[in-house]
Amino acid sequence: MELLLYQPEIPPNTGNIARLCAMTGVRLNLIEPLGFKLEDRYLKRAGLDYWPQVDLAVWPDLQTWLAAATARNGRPPRCVMTSAKGGQPLHHFPFEADDCLVFGPETHGLPDEVLRLSPWRVRIPMLAGRGRCLNLSTSAGIVLYGALAHCGILDGPEWQLPAAPGDAS
């Protein structure tokens, strides 16, 4: 599984998502232009000391990433587009272990030309009338863990926390 941020704008969101990717072993792809520099102190602060564990790739555009992902996998990746505008509810979506979860910029989401690149769409159900959408880093965490759980990936022994000292288990 991979995560792709299309033209992210807010450094702390990307930093939080980088930390999420470090903790899950999921590759993080960033598509330029970015709304910040990778040296941004807010980006680094949000990612804390997890940056060395992040499998990070920055791409000049979506087509370059798509060509590289296709070459790496021997076939085009299955891109699951996230959108508050529509798609299958997260808990009903048939995720696959090699999906690439695609998220758009914070202020306007994925543009139509990007959404048209893939028939797979997912949305996070939210109560009607409460607001437009969730924060990008919150959404990435919800969708990623939902996808990992759906695929049974979280059941592996590497996902188990060690017992706390004095725990009788």
C-alpha atoms as a PDB file:
ATOM      1  CA  MET A   1       0.000   0.000   0.000  1.00  0.00           C
ATOM      2  CA  GLU A   2       1.137   3.539  -0.733  1.00  0.00           C
ATOM      3  CA  LEU A   3      -0.132   6.982   0.105  1.00  0.00           C
ATOM      4  CA  LEU A   4      -0.016   9.879  -2.345  1.00  0.00           C
ATOM      5  CA  LEU A   5      -0.555  13.540  -1.508  1.00  0.00           C
ATOM      6  CA  TYR A   6      -1.357  15.581  -4.589  1.00  0.00           C
ATOM      7  CA  GLN A   7       0.026  19.103  -4.192  1.00  0.00           C
ATOM      8  CA  PRO A   8      -0.278  19.309  -0.384  1.00  0.00           C
ATOM      9  CA  GLU A   9      -0.400  22.834   1.002  1.00  0.00           C
ATOM     10  CA  ILE A  10      -0.063  22.761   4.793  1.00  0.00           C
ATOM     11  CA  PRO A  11       3.259  21.617   6.318  1.00  0.00           C
ATOM     12  CA  PRO A  12       1.940  20.227   9.637  1.00  0.00           C
ATOM     13  CA  ASN A  13      -0.583  18.025   7.811  1.00  0.00           C
ATOM     14  CA  THR A  14       2.138  16.516   5.639  1.00  0.00           C
ATOM     15  CA  GLY A  15       4.379  16.100   8.688  1.00  0.00           C
ATOM     16  CA  ASN A  16       1.624  14.235  10.552  1.00  0.00           C
ATOM     17  CA  ILE A  17       1.024  12.039   7.504  1.00  0.00           C
ATOM     18  CA  ALA A  18       4.755  11.330   7.244  1.00  0.00           C
ATOM     19  CA  ARG A  19       4.684  10.126  10.853  1.00  0.00           C
ATOM     20  CA  LEU A  20       1.644   7.952  10.020  1.00  0.00           C
ATOM     21  CA  CYS A  21       3.561   6.453   7.086  1.00  0.00           C
ATOM     22  CA  ALA A  22       6.624   5.812   9.247  1.00  0.00           C
ATOM     23  CA  MET A  23       4.517   3.971  11.826  1.00  0.00           C
ATOM     24  CA  THR A  24       2.762   1.841   9.200  1.00  0.00           C
ATOM     25  CA  GLY A  25       5.632   1.209   6.784  1.00  0.00           C
ATOM     26  CA  VAL A  26       3.639   2.805   3.966  1.00  0.00           C
ATOM     27  CA  ARG A  27       5.436   4.762   1.262  1.00  0.00           C
ATOM     28  CA  LEU A  28       4.598   8.479   1.073  1.00  0.00           C
ATOM     29  CA  ASN A  29       4.548  10.092  -2.366  1.00  0.00           C
ATOM     30  CA  LEU A  30       4.320  13.875  -2.673  1.00  0.00           C
ATOM     31  CA  ILE A  31       3.316  15.443  -5.974  1.00  0.00           C
ATOM     32  CA  GLU A  32       4.653  18.934  -6.657  1.00  0.00           C
ATOM     33  CA  PRO A  33       4.141  21.776  -6.447  1.00  0.00           C
ATOM     34  CA  LEU A  34       4.162  21.639  -2.655  1.00  0.00           C
ATOM     35  CA  GLY A  35       2.787  24.528  -0.636  1.00  0.00           C
ATOM     36  CA  PHE A  36       5.972  24.497   1.462  1.00  0.00           C
ATOM     37  CA  LYS A  37       9.628  23.525   1.356  1.00  0.00           C
ATOM     38  CA  LEU A  38      10.677  20.124   2.694  1.00  0.00           C
ATOM     39  CA  GLU A  39      12.972  21.978   5.075  1.00  0.00           C
ATOM     40  CA  ASP A  40       9.985  23.792   6.645  1.00  0.00           C
ATOM     41  CA  ARG A  41      10.287  23.735  10.439  1.00  0.00           C
ATOM     42  CA  TYR A  42       6.554  23.064  10.907  1.00  0.00           C
ATOM     43  CA  LEU A  43       6.758  20.067   8.580  1.00  0.00           C
ATOM     44  CA  LYS A  44       9.792  18.712  10.441  1.00  0.00           C
ATOM     45  CA  ARG A  45       8.231  19.400  13.839  1.00  0.00           C
ATOM     46  CA  ALA A  46       5.000  17.570  12.971  1.00  0.00           C
ATOM     47  CA  GLY A  47       6.991  14.541  11.780  1.00  0.00           C
ATOM     48  CA  LEU A  48       9.157  14.648  14.915  1.00  0.00           C
ATOM     49  CA  ASP A  49      12.056  12.205  14.863  1.00  0.00           C
ATOM     50  CA  TYR A  50      10.233   9.787  12.542  1.00  0.00           C
ATOM     51  CA  TRP A  51      11.613  11.290   9.313  1.00  0.00           C
ATOM     52  CA  PRO A  52      14.454   8.748   8.944  1.00  0.00           C
ATOM     53  CA  GLN A  53      11.825   5.966   8.943  1.00  0.00           C
ATOM     54  CA  VAL A  54       9.679   7.561   6.214  1.00  0.00           C
ATOM     55  CA  ASP A  55       9.894   6.024   2.749  1.00  0.00           C
ATOM     56  CA  LEU A  56       9.443   9.386   1.016  1.00  0.00           C
ATOM     57  CA  ALA A  57       9.437  10.185  -2.692  1.00  0.00           C
ATOM     58  CA  VAL A  58       8.780  13.608  -4.207  1.00  0.00           C
ATOM     59  CA  TRP A  59       7.592  13.774  -7.814  1.00  0.00           C
ATOM     60  CA  PRO A  60       7.464  16.763 -10.183  1.00  0.00           C
ATOM     61  CA  ASP A  61       3.988  15.773 -11.421  1.00  0.00           C
ATOM     62  CA  LEU A  62       1.430  12.994 -11.295  1.00  0.00           C
ATOM     63  CA  GLN A  63       2.345  11.573 -14.711  1.00  0.00           C
ATOM     64  CA  THR A  64       5.995  11.058 -13.653  1.00  0.00           C
ATOM     65  CA  TRP A  65       4.872   9.205 -10.517  1.00  0.00           C
ATOM     66  CA  LEU A  66       2.394   7.117 -12.519  1.00  0.00           C
ATOM     67  CA  ALA A  67       5.075   6.103 -15.051  1.00  0.00           C
ATOM     68  CA  ALA A  68       7.519   5.155 -12.266  1.00  0.00           C
ATOM     69  CA  ALA A  69       4.859   3.219 -10.314  1.00  0.00           C
ATOM     70  CA  THR A  70       3.838   1.360 -13.468  1.00  0.00           C
ATOM     71  CA  ALA A  71       7.457   0.454 -14.229  1.00  0.00           C
ATOM     72  CA  ARG A  72       8.082  -0.631 -10.608  1.00  0.00           C
ATOM     73  CA  ASN A  73       4.975  -2.851 -10.421  1.00  0.00           C
ATOM     74  CA  GLY A  74       4.861  -4.033 -14.029  1.00  0.00           C
ATOM     75  CA  ARG A  75       1.347  -2.575 -14.344  1.00  0.00           C
ATOM     76  CA  PRO A  76      -0.419   0.698 -13.549  1.00  0.00           C
ATOM     77  CA  PRO A  77      -1.201   1.129  -9.854  1.00  0.00           C
ATOM     78  CA  ARG A  78      -4.771   0.948  -8.619  1.00  0.00           C
ATOM     79  CA  CYS A  79      -5.349   4.496  -7.414  1.00  0.00           C
ATOM     80  CA  VAL A  80      -8.095   4.899  -4.843  1.00  0.00           C
ATOM     81  CA  MET A  81      -9.169   8.525  -4.975  1.00  0.00           C
ATOM     82  CA  THR A  82     -10.497  10.120  -1.817  1.00  0.00           C
ATOM     83  CA  SER A  83     -13.182  12.746  -2.069  1.00  0.00           C
ATOM     84  CA  ALA A  84     -15.721  14.391   0.202  1.00  0.00           C
ATOM     85  CA  LYS A  85     -17.769  14.887  -2.994  1.00  0.00           C
ATOM     86  CA  GLY A  86     -18.597  11.227  -3.411  1.00  0.00           C
ATOM     87  CA  GLY A  87     -17.452   7.671  -3.669  1.00  0.00           C
ATOM     88  CA  GLN A  88     -18.118   4.431  -1.897  1.00  0.00           C
ATOM     89  CA  PRO A  89     -18.238   4.688   1.913  1.00  0.00           C
ATOM     90  CA  LEU A  90     -14.907   3.707   3.453  1.00  0.00           C
ATOM     91  CA  HIS A  91     -16.326   0.756   5.390  1.00  0.00           C
ATOM     92  CA  HIS A  92     -17.811  -0.785   2.211  1.00  0.00           C
ATOM     93  CA  PHE A  93     -14.879  -0.214  -0.139  1.00  0.00           C
ATOM     94  CA  PRO A  94     -13.026  -3.365  -1.362  1.00  0.00           C
ATOM     95  CA  PHE A  95      -9.447  -2.248  -0.688  1.00  0.00           C
ATOM     96  CA  GLU A  96      -6.541  -4.301  -2.023  1.00  0.00           C
ATOM     97  CA  ALA A  97      -3.117  -4.632  -0.399  1.00  0.00           C
ATOM     98  CA  ASP A  98      -1.290  -2.831  -3.212  1.00  0.00           C
ATOM     99  CA  ASP A  99      -3.664   0.154  -3.504  1.00  0.00           C
ATOM    100  CA  CYS A 100      -2.351   3.690  -3.693  1.00  0.00           C
ATOM    101  CA  LEU A 101      -4.528   5.992  -1.587  1.00  0.00           C
ATOM    102  CA  VAL A 102      -4.669   9.441  -3.214  1.00  0.00           C
ATOM    103  CA  PHE A 103      -5.491  12.635  -1.305  1.00  0.00           C
ATOM    104  CA  GLY A 104      -5.880  16.148  -2.684  1.00  0.00           C
ATOM    105  CA  PRO A 105      -4.827  19.568  -1.442  1.00  0.00           C
ATOM    106  CA  GLU A 106      -6.397  20.810   1.767  1.00  0.00           C
ATOM    107  CA  THR A 107      -8.233  23.821   0.332  1.00  0.00           C
ATOM    108  CA  HIS A 108     -10.032  22.181  -2.591  1.00  0.00           C
ATOM    109  CA  GLY A 109      -9.401  18.426  -2.767  1.00  0.00           C
ATOM    110  CA  LEU A 110      -8.553  16.485  -5.887  1.00  0.00           C
ATOM    111  CA  PRO A 111      -9.287  18.314  -9.141  1.00  0.00           C
ATOM    112  CA  ASP A 112     -11.628  16.690 -11.654  1.00  0.00           C
ATOM    113  CA  GLU A 113      -8.792  15.881 -14.084  1.00  0.00           C
ATOM    114  CA  VAL A 114      -7.091  13.814 -11.372  1.00  0.00           C
ATOM    115  CA  LEU A 115     -10.333  12.163 -10.241  1.00  0.00           C
ATOM    116  CA  ARG A 116     -10.959  11.073 -13.837  1.00  0.00           C
ATOM    117  CA  LEU A 117      -7.722   9.039 -13.829  1.00  0.00           C
ATOM    118  CA  SER A 118      -9.288   6.284 -11.742  1.00  0.00           C
ATOM    119  CA  PRO A 119     -12.742   4.735 -11.338  1.00  0.00           C
ATOM    120  CA  TRP A 120     -12.089   3.872  -7.668  1.00  0.00           C
ATOM    121  CA  ARG A 121     -13.420   6.423  -5.169  1.00  0.00           C
ATOM    122  CA  VAL A 122     -13.792   6.310  -1.431  1.00  0.00           C
ATOM    123  CA  ARG A 123     -15.270   8.730   1.064  1.00  0.00           C
ATOM    124  CA  ILE A 124     -15.375   8.950   4.831  1.00  0.00           C
ATOM    125  CA  PRO A 125     -18.987   9.006   6.052  1.00  0.00           C
ATOM    126  CA  MET A 126     -19.783  12.121   8.093  1.00  0.00           C
ATOM    127  CA  LEU A 127     -22.946  13.425   9.705  1.00  0.00           C
ATOM    128  CA  ALA A 128     -24.878  15.684   7.337  1.00  0.00           C
ATOM    129  CA  GLY A 129     -24.804  19.413   7.975  1.00  0.00           C
ATOM    130  CA  ARG A 130     -21.758  19.354  10.263  1.00  0.00           C
ATOM    131  CA  GLY A 131     -19.139  20.717   7.854  1.00  0.00           C
ATOM    132  CA  ARG A 132     -17.400  20.145   4.527  1.00  0.00           C
ATOM    133  CA  CYS A 133     -14.700  17.661   5.397  1.00  0.00           C
ATOM    134  CA  LEU A 134     -12.183  16.384   7.925  1.00  0.00           C
ATOM    135  CA  ASN A 135      -8.581  17.569   8.239  1.00  0.00           C
ATOM    136  CA  LEU A 136      -6.252  15.988   5.673  1.00  0.00           C
ATOM    137  CA  SER A 137      -4.015  14.210   8.188  1.00  0.00           C
ATOM    138  CA  THR A 138      -7.046  12.901  10.080  1.00  0.00           C
ATOM    139  CA  SER A 139      -8.567  11.661   6.822  1.00  0.00           C
ATOM    140  CA  ALA A 140      -5.332   9.978   5.770  1.00  0.00           C
ATOM    141  CA  GLY A 141      -5.165   8.125   9.092  1.00  0.00           C
ATOM    142  CA  ILE A 142      -8.773   6.987   8.915  1.00  0.00           C
ATOM    143  CA  VAL A 143      -8.549   5.793   5.312  1.00  0.00           C
ATOM    144  CA  LEU A 144      -5.135   4.158   5.675  1.00  0.00           C
ATOM    145  CA  TYR A 145      -6.023   2.192   8.804  1.00  0.00           C
ATOM    146  CA  GLY A 146      -9.396   1.260   7.292  1.00  0.00           C
ATOM    147  CA  ALA A 147      -7.625  -0.064   4.190  1.00  0.00           C
ATOM    148  CA  LEU A 148      -4.984  -1.934   6.194  1.00  0.00           C
ATOM    149  CA  ALA A 149      -7.671  -3.503   8.386  1.00  0.00           C
ATOM    150  CA  HIS A 150      -9.830  -4.473   5.395  1.00  0.00           C
ATOM    151  CA  CYS A 151      -6.870  -6.248   3.793  1.00  0.00           C
ATOM    152  CA  GLY A 152      -6.031  -8.116   7.015  1.00  0.00           C
ATOM    153  CA  ILE A 153      -2.612  -6.498   7.154  1.00  0.00           C
ATOM    154  CA  LEU A 154      -3.024  -5.383  10.777  1.00  0.00           C
ATOM    155  CA  ASP A 155      -3.367  -9.005  11.904  1.00  0.00           C
ATOM    156  CA  GLY A 156       0.301  -9.822  11.303  1.00  0.00           C
ATOM    157  CA  PRO A 157       2.597 -10.424  14.300  1.00  0.00           C
ATOM    158  CA  GLU A 158       4.662  -7.346  13.435  1.00  0.00           C
ATOM    159  CA  TRP A 159       1.632  -5.199  14.338  1.00  0.00           C
ATOM    160  CA  GLN A 160       1.350  -6.459  17.880  1.00  0.00           C
ATOM    161  CA  LEU A 161       2.604  -4.297  20.705  1.00  0.00           C
ATOM    162  CA  PRO A 162       4.905  -5.978  23.220  1.00  0.00           C
ATOM    163  CA  ALA A 163       3.301  -6.731  26.554  1.00  0.00           C
ATOM    164  CA  ALA A 164       3.703  -4.024  29.154  1.00  0.00           C
ATOM    165  CA  PRO A 165       6.104  -4.810  32.019  1.00  0.00           C
ATOM    166  CA  GLY A 166       4.314  -6.889  34.639  1.00  0.00           C
ATOM    167  CA  ASP A 167       1.545  -7.860  32.183  1.00  0.00           C
ATOM    168  CA  ALA A 168       0.454 -11.461  32.728  1.00  0.00           C
ATOM    169  CA  SER A 169      -0.564 -12.644  29.303  1.00  0.00           C
END
